[in-house]
């Protein structure tokens, strides 16, 4: 099995090296953007592939940028396409209005933490934020900060699958990253007035 996986990885690297590197980067980004719109696709696998094929640094950067782009695209699809229709339908539904009000007024720090947890379904956050009256600036800054930990976590887990499950340092690193994300969210709140 390990040989099969190594052969697949070697073939992907050869494919990148024999084709235009820029096009390969775009394809690596496109699959992650698509995952933000089609939640059935495996984000962890795509991030791991990017980090294996392009290296940890380039793979991380393109995965992080693509995740933010995909979240933003999903946000705008629901904001521009569905939210007006939804608000016409929920006038007589107090529970739905209350839920949308909670999402619209969630604090920036809470939004960052929710988005930074790797197991949180990002698609549902994108939908909720897009359908709510949350400002895009708040959503974007939260995604920029939070997706660092998500991309790092899935890239690290994906590239070191079995070792990472038994390695306590993975959990320690994730806690540090989540703490840094919380600290950054507090700084952004004060500096850019996004709450």
C-alpha atoms as a PDB file:
ATOM      1  CA  UNK A   1       0.000   0.000   0.000  1.00  0.00           C
ATOM      2  CA  UNK A   2       2.815   2.366   0.883  1.00  0.00           C
ATOM      3  CA  UNK A   3       4.424   1.705  -2.504  1.00  0.00           C
ATOM      4  CA  UNK A   4       1.140   2.510  -4.265  1.00  0.00           C
ATOM      5  CA  UNK A   5       0.827   5.821  -2.443  1.00  0.00           C
ATOM      6  CA  UNK A   6       4.464   6.655  -3.173  1.00  0.00           C
ATOM      7  CA  UNK A   7       3.937   5.850  -6.873  1.00  0.00           C
ATOM      8  CA  UNK A   8       0.905   8.164  -7.013  1.00  0.00           C
ATOM      9  CA  UNK A   9       2.897  10.960  -5.350  1.00  0.00           C
ATOM     10  CA  UNK A  10       5.864  10.435  -7.687  1.00  0.00           C
ATOM     11  CA  UNK A  11       3.544  10.500 -10.717  1.00  0.00           C
ATOM     12  CA  UNK A  12       1.922  13.736  -9.521  1.00  0.00           C
ATOM     13  CA  UNK A  13       5.329  15.351  -9.012  1.00  0.00           C
ATOM     14  CA  UNK A  14       6.421  14.228 -12.486  1.00  0.00           C
ATOM     15  CA  UNK A  15       3.207  15.656 -13.934  1.00  0.00           C
ATOM     16  CA  UNK A  16       3.935  19.031 -12.307  1.00  0.00           C
ATOM     17  CA  UNK A  17       7.552  19.024 -13.474  1.00  0.00           C
ATOM     18  CA  UNK A  18       6.706  18.075 -17.072  1.00  0.00           C
ATOM     19  CA  UNK A  19       3.940  20.669 -17.411  1.00  0.00           C
ATOM     20  CA  UNK A  20       3.835  24.396 -16.881  1.00  0.00           C
ATOM     21  CA  UNK A  21       4.498  25.029 -13.158  1.00  0.00           C
ATOM     22  CA  UNK A  22       2.150  28.039 -13.107  1.00  0.00           C
ATOM     23  CA  UNK A  23      -0.712  25.975 -14.574  1.00  0.00           C
ATOM     24  CA  UNK A  24      -0.029  23.253 -12.015  1.00  0.00           C
ATOM     25  CA  UNK A  25      -0.265  25.835  -9.216  1.00  0.00           C
ATOM     26  CA  UNK A  26      -3.570  27.078 -10.607  1.00  0.00           C
ATOM     27  CA  UNK A  27      -4.931  23.523 -10.708  1.00  0.00           C
ATOM     28  CA  UNK A  28      -3.786  23.010  -7.108  1.00  0.00           C
ATOM     29  CA  UNK A  29      -5.661  26.158  -6.119  1.00  0.00           C
ATOM     30  CA  UNK A  30      -8.737  25.362  -8.204  1.00  0.00           C
ATOM     31  CA  UNK A  31      -9.372  22.026  -6.507  1.00  0.00           C
ATOM     32  CA  UNK A  32      -9.382  23.746  -3.107  1.00  0.00           C
ATOM     33  CA  UNK A  33     -11.654  26.562  -4.310  1.00  0.00           C
ATOM     34  CA  UNK A  34     -14.063  23.925  -5.633  1.00  0.00           C
ATOM     35  CA  UNK A  35     -14.024  22.168  -2.253  1.00  0.00           C
ATOM     36  CA  UNK A  36     -15.345  25.345  -0.630  1.00  0.00           C
ATOM     37  CA  UNK A  37     -18.346  25.244  -2.951  1.00  0.00           C
ATOM     38  CA  UNK A  38     -18.807  21.455  -3.136  1.00  0.00           C
ATOM     39  CA  UNK A  39     -18.376  20.268   0.481  1.00  0.00           C
ATOM     40  CA  UNK A  40     -18.324  16.576  -0.414  1.00  0.00           C
ATOM     41  CA  UNK A  41     -14.782  17.000  -1.788  1.00  0.00           C
ATOM     42  CA  UNK A  42     -11.969  16.135   0.705  1.00  0.00           C
ATOM     43  CA  UNK A  43     -10.156  19.334   1.717  1.00  0.00           C
ATOM     44  CA  UNK A  44      -7.598  17.428   3.789  1.00  0.00           C
ATOM     45  CA  UNK A  45      -6.573  15.324   0.801  1.00  0.00           C
ATOM     46  CA  UNK A  46      -6.238  18.327  -1.518  1.00  0.00           C
ATOM     47  CA  UNK A  47      -4.146  20.310   0.991  1.00  0.00           C
ATOM     48  CA  UNK A  48      -1.924  17.293   1.629  1.00  0.00           C
ATOM     49  CA  UNK A  49      -1.464  16.769  -2.122  1.00  0.00           C
ATOM     50  CA  UNK A  50      -0.521  20.422  -2.619  1.00  0.00           C
ATOM     51  CA  UNK A  51       2.014  20.251   0.209  1.00  0.00           C
ATOM     52  CA  UNK A  52       3.475  16.969  -1.029  1.00  0.00           C
ATOM     53  CA  UNK A  53       3.653  18.013  -4.681  1.00  0.00           C
ATOM     54  CA  UNK A  54       4.719  21.666  -4.294  1.00  0.00           C
ATOM     55  CA  UNK A  55       6.561  21.399  -0.973  1.00  0.00           C
ATOM     56  CA  UNK A  56       5.452  22.547   2.453  1.00  0.00           C
ATOM     57  CA  UNK A  57       5.864  26.286   1.927  1.00  0.00           C
ATOM     58  CA  UNK A  58       4.404  26.724  -1.572  1.00  0.00           C
ATOM     59  CA  UNK A  59       1.770  24.044  -0.922  1.00  0.00           C
ATOM     60  CA  UNK A  60       0.719  25.799   2.278  1.00  0.00           C
ATOM     61  CA  UNK A  61       0.553  29.249   0.661  1.00  0.00           C
ATOM     62  CA  UNK A  62      -1.497  28.178  -2.368  1.00  0.00           C
ATOM     63  CA  UNK A  63      -3.823  26.094  -0.184  1.00  0.00           C
ATOM     64  CA  UNK A  64      -4.321  28.987   2.257  1.00  0.00           C
ATOM     65  CA  UNK A  65      -5.010  31.539  -0.484  1.00  0.00           C
ATOM     66  CA  UNK A  66      -7.313  29.137  -2.330  1.00  0.00           C
ATOM     67  CA  UNK A  67      -9.258  28.333   0.846  1.00  0.00           C
ATOM     68  CA  UNK A  68      -9.849  32.040   1.495  1.00  0.00           C
ATOM     69  CA  UNK A  69     -10.873  32.567  -2.143  1.00  0.00           C
ATOM     70  CA  UNK A  70     -13.225  29.572  -2.007  1.00  0.00           C
ATOM     71  CA  UNK A  71     -14.815  30.730   1.253  1.00  0.00           C
ATOM     72  CA  UNK A  72     -15.292  34.217  -0.208  1.00  0.00           C
ATOM     73  CA  UNK A  73     -16.822  32.823  -3.390  1.00  0.00           C
ATOM     74  CA  UNK A  74     -19.206  30.659  -1.387  1.00  0.00           C
ATOM     75  CA  UNK A  75     -20.056  33.662   0.834  1.00  0.00           C
ATOM     76  CA  UNK A  76     -20.955  35.806  -2.197  1.00  0.00           C
ATOM     77  CA  UNK A  77     -22.938  33.060  -3.921  1.00  0.00           C
ATOM     78  CA  UNK A  78     -25.242  32.909  -0.911  1.00  0.00           C
ATOM     79  CA  UNK A  79     -25.131  36.649  -0.204  1.00  0.00           C
ATOM     80  CA  UNK A  80     -26.022  37.749  -3.732  1.00  0.00           C
ATOM     81  CA  UNK A  81     -28.014  34.755  -4.909  1.00  0.00           C
ATOM     82  CA  UNK A  82     -30.078  33.503  -2.022  1.00  0.00           C
ATOM     83  CA  UNK A  83     -30.116  35.883   0.964  1.00  0.00           C
ATOM     84  CA  UNK A  84     -32.696  38.325  -0.450  1.00  0.00           C
ATOM     85  CA  UNK A  85     -35.015  35.442  -1.246  1.00  0.00           C
ATOM     86  CA  UNK A  86     -34.472  33.984   2.248  1.00  0.00           C
ATOM     87  CA  UNK A  87     -35.249  37.226   4.066  1.00  0.00           C
ATOM     88  CA  UNK A  88     -38.534  37.551   2.172  1.00  0.00           C
ATOM     89  CA  UNK A  89     -39.495  34.054   3.346  1.00  0.00           C
ATOM     90  CA  UNK A  90     -38.510  34.375   7.018  1.00  0.00           C
ATOM     91  CA  UNK A  91     -40.574  37.448   7.896  1.00  0.00           C
ATOM     92  CA  UNK A  92     -43.098  35.219   9.634  1.00  0.00           C
ATOM     93  CA  UNK A  93     -40.576  32.777  11.137  1.00  0.00           C
ATOM     94  CA  UNK A  94     -39.256  34.197  14.441  1.00  0.00           C
ATOM     95  CA  UNK A  95     -36.912  31.266  15.194  1.00  0.00           C
ATOM     96  CA  UNK A  96     -35.166  31.594  11.834  1.00  0.00           C
ATOM     97  CA  UNK A  97     -34.904  35.363  12.232  1.00  0.00           C
ATOM     98  CA  UNK A  98     -33.403  34.878  15.689  1.00  0.00           C
ATOM     99  CA  UNK A  99     -30.828  32.396  14.346  1.00  0.00           C
ATOM    100  CA  UNK A 100     -29.863  34.725  11.491  1.00  0.00           C
ATOM    101  CA  UNK A 101     -29.533  37.572  14.006  1.00  0.00           C
ATOM    102  CA  UNK A 102     -27.180  35.463  16.145  1.00  0.00           C
ATOM    103  CA  UNK A 103     -25.019  34.647  13.104  1.00  0.00           C
ATOM    104  CA  UNK A 104     -25.019  38.290  11.986  1.00  0.00           C
ATOM    105  CA  UNK A 105     -23.869  39.509  15.398  1.00  0.00           C
ATOM    106  CA  UNK A 106     -21.339  36.819  16.359  1.00  0.00           C
ATOM    107  CA  UNK A 107     -18.207  38.364  17.795  1.00  0.00           C
ATOM    108  CA  UNK A 108     -15.107  38.439  15.628  1.00  0.00           C
ATOM    109  CA  UNK A 109     -13.125  36.338  18.107  1.00  0.00           C
ATOM    110  CA  UNK A 110     -15.776  33.626  18.215  1.00  0.00           C
ATOM    111  CA  UNK A 111     -15.994  33.609  14.427  1.00  0.00           C
ATOM    112  CA  UNK A 112     -12.218  33.183  14.132  1.00  0.00           C
ATOM    113  CA  UNK A 113     -12.166  30.328  16.641  1.00  0.00           C
ATOM    114  CA  UNK A 114     -15.099  28.549  14.981  1.00  0.00           C
ATOM    115  CA  UNK A 115     -13.469  28.896  11.562  1.00  0.00           C
ATOM    116  CA  UNK A 116     -10.040  27.860  12.912  1.00  0.00           C
ATOM    117  CA  UNK A 117     -11.196  24.495  14.232  1.00  0.00           C
ATOM    118  CA  UNK A 118     -10.263  21.983  11.517  1.00  0.00           C
ATOM    119  CA  UNK A 119     -13.355  19.819  12.012  1.00  0.00           C
ATOM    120  CA  UNK A 120     -15.856  22.666  11.697  1.00  0.00           C
ATOM    121  CA  UNK A 121     -17.774  22.329   8.421  1.00  0.00           C
ATOM    122  CA  UNK A 122     -16.500  25.396   6.573  1.00  0.00           C
ATOM    123  CA  UNK A 123     -19.262  25.213   3.988  1.00  0.00           C
ATOM    124  CA  UNK A 124     -21.950  25.731   6.638  1.00  0.00           C
ATOM    125  CA  UNK A 125     -20.059  28.733   8.044  1.00  0.00           C
ATOM    126  CA  UNK A 126     -19.770  30.231   4.547  1.00  0.00           C
ATOM    127  CA  UNK A 127     -23.501  29.700   3.972  1.00  0.00           C
ATOM    128  CA  UNK A 128     -24.494  31.101   7.368  1.00  0.00           C
ATOM    129  CA  UNK A 129     -22.289  34.170   6.964  1.00  0.00           C
ATOM    130  CA  UNK A 130     -23.453  34.729   3.384  1.00  0.00           C
ATOM    131  CA  UNK A 131     -27.121  34.472   4.310  1.00  0.00           C
ATOM    132  CA  UNK A 132     -26.748  36.660   7.395  1.00  0.00           C
ATOM    133  CA  UNK A 133     -26.162  40.375   7.489  1.00  0.00           C
ATOM    134  CA  UNK A 134     -22.536  39.874   8.564  1.00  0.00           C
ATOM    135  CA  UNK A 135     -20.152  42.320   6.925  1.00  0.00           C
ATOM    136  CA  UNK A 136     -17.831  40.761   4.358  1.00  0.00           C
ATOM    137  CA  UNK A 137     -14.847  42.588   5.889  1.00  0.00           C
ATOM    138  CA  UNK A 138     -15.437  40.766   9.183  1.00  0.00           C
ATOM    139  CA  UNK A 139     -15.845  37.410   7.405  1.00  0.00           C
ATOM    140  CA  UNK A 140     -12.720  37.950   5.271  1.00  0.00           C
ATOM    141  CA  UNK A 141     -10.436  38.953   8.152  1.00  0.00           C
ATOM    142  CA  UNK A 142     -11.681  35.995  10.199  1.00  0.00           C
ATOM    143  CA  UNK A 143     -11.009  33.633   7.282  1.00  0.00           C
ATOM    144  CA  UNK A 144      -7.512  35.045   6.709  1.00  0.00           C
ATOM    145  CA  UNK A 145      -6.576  34.412  10.338  1.00  0.00           C
ATOM    146  CA  UNK A 146      -8.466  31.157  10.915  1.00  0.00           C
ATOM    147  CA  UNK A 147      -7.541  29.318   7.742  1.00  0.00           C
ATOM    148  CA  UNK A 148      -3.860  29.365   8.721  1.00  0.00           C
ATOM    149  CA  UNK A 149      -4.525  26.764  11.406  1.00  0.00           C
ATOM    150  CA  UNK A 150      -6.900  24.742   9.208  1.00  0.00           C
ATOM    151  CA  UNK A 151      -4.450  24.512   6.300  1.00  0.00           C
ATOM    152  CA  UNK A 152      -1.525  23.780   8.613  1.00  0.00           C
ATOM    153  CA  UNK A 153      -3.470  21.097  10.482  1.00  0.00           C
ATOM    154  CA  UNK A 154      -4.742  19.264   7.390  1.00  0.00           C
ATOM    155  CA  UNK A 155      -1.412  19.617   5.614  1.00  0.00           C
ATOM    156  CA  UNK A 156       0.492  18.293   8.569  1.00  0.00           C
ATOM    157  CA  UNK A 157      -1.974  15.475   9.212  1.00  0.00           C
ATOM    158  CA  UNK A 158      -2.105  14.597   5.534  1.00  0.00           C
ATOM    159  CA  UNK A 159       1.630  14.538   5.014  1.00  0.00           C
ATOM    160  CA  UNK A 160       2.437  12.610   8.178  1.00  0.00           C
ATOM    161  CA  UNK A 161      -0.798  10.665   8.588  1.00  0.00           C
ATOM    162  CA  UNK A 162       0.053   7.821  10.954  1.00  0.00           C
ATOM    163  CA  UNK A 163       2.875   9.577  12.791  1.00  0.00           C
ATOM    164  CA  UNK A 164       0.772  12.658  13.528  1.00  0.00           C
ATOM    165  CA  UNK A 165      -2.001  10.712  15.235  1.00  0.00           C
ATOM    166  CA  UNK A 166       0.434   9.280  17.789  1.00  0.00           C
ATOM    167  CA  UNK A 167       2.554  12.436  18.125  1.00  0.00           C
ATOM    168  CA  UNK A 168       1.554  14.722  21.007  1.00  0.00           C
ATOM    169  CA  UNK A 169       3.419  17.641  19.424  1.00  0.00           C
ATOM    170  CA  UNK A 170       0.728  17.858  16.713  1.00  0.00           C
ATOM    171  CA  UNK A 171      -1.889  18.643  19.334  1.00  0.00           C
ATOM    172  CA  UNK A 172       0.456  21.088  21.066  1.00  0.00           C
ATOM    173  CA  UNK A 173       1.178  22.879  17.773  1.00  0.00           C
ATOM    174  CA  UNK A 174      -2.549  23.083  16.990  1.00  0.00           C
ATOM    175  CA  UNK A 175      -3.257  24.588  20.428  1.00  0.00           C
ATOM    176  CA  UNK A 176      -0.507  27.158  19.865  1.00  0.00           C
ATOM    177  CA  UNK A 177      -1.905  28.025  16.422  1.00  0.00           C
ATOM    178  CA  UNK A 178      -5.453  28.381  17.787  1.00  0.00           C
ATOM    179  CA  UNK A 179      -4.120  30.634  20.577  1.00  0.00           C
ATOM    180  CA  UNK A 180      -2.252  32.777  18.047  1.00  0.00           C
ATOM    181  CA  UNK A 181      -5.437  32.966  15.934  1.00  0.00           C
ATOM    182  CA  UNK A 182      -7.371  34.197  18.995  1.00  0.00           C
ATOM    183  CA  UNK A 183      -4.687  36.785  19.758  1.00  0.00           C
ATOM    184  CA  UNK A 184      -4.627  37.971  16.130  1.00  0.00           C
ATOM    185  CA  UNK A 185      -8.423  38.251  16.134  1.00  0.00           C
ATOM    186  CA  UNK A 186      -8.250  40.539  19.193  1.00  0.00           C
ATOM    187  CA  UNK A 187      -5.618  42.711  17.484  1.00  0.00           C
ATOM    188  CA  UNK A 188      -7.671  42.932  14.275  1.00  0.00           C
ATOM    189  CA  UNK A 189     -10.803  43.864  16.268  1.00  0.00           C
ATOM    190  CA  UNK A 190      -9.002  46.784  17.895  1.00  0.00           C
ATOM    191  CA  UNK A 191      -7.066  47.954  14.838  1.00  0.00           C
ATOM    192  CA  UNK A 192      -9.665  47.615  12.064  1.00  0.00           C
ATOM    193  CA  UNK A 193     -12.924  47.940  14.036  1.00  0.00           C
ATOM    194  CA  UNK A 194     -14.537  44.838  12.505  1.00  0.00           C
ATOM    195  CA  UNK A 195     -16.746  43.767  15.402  1.00  0.00           C
END
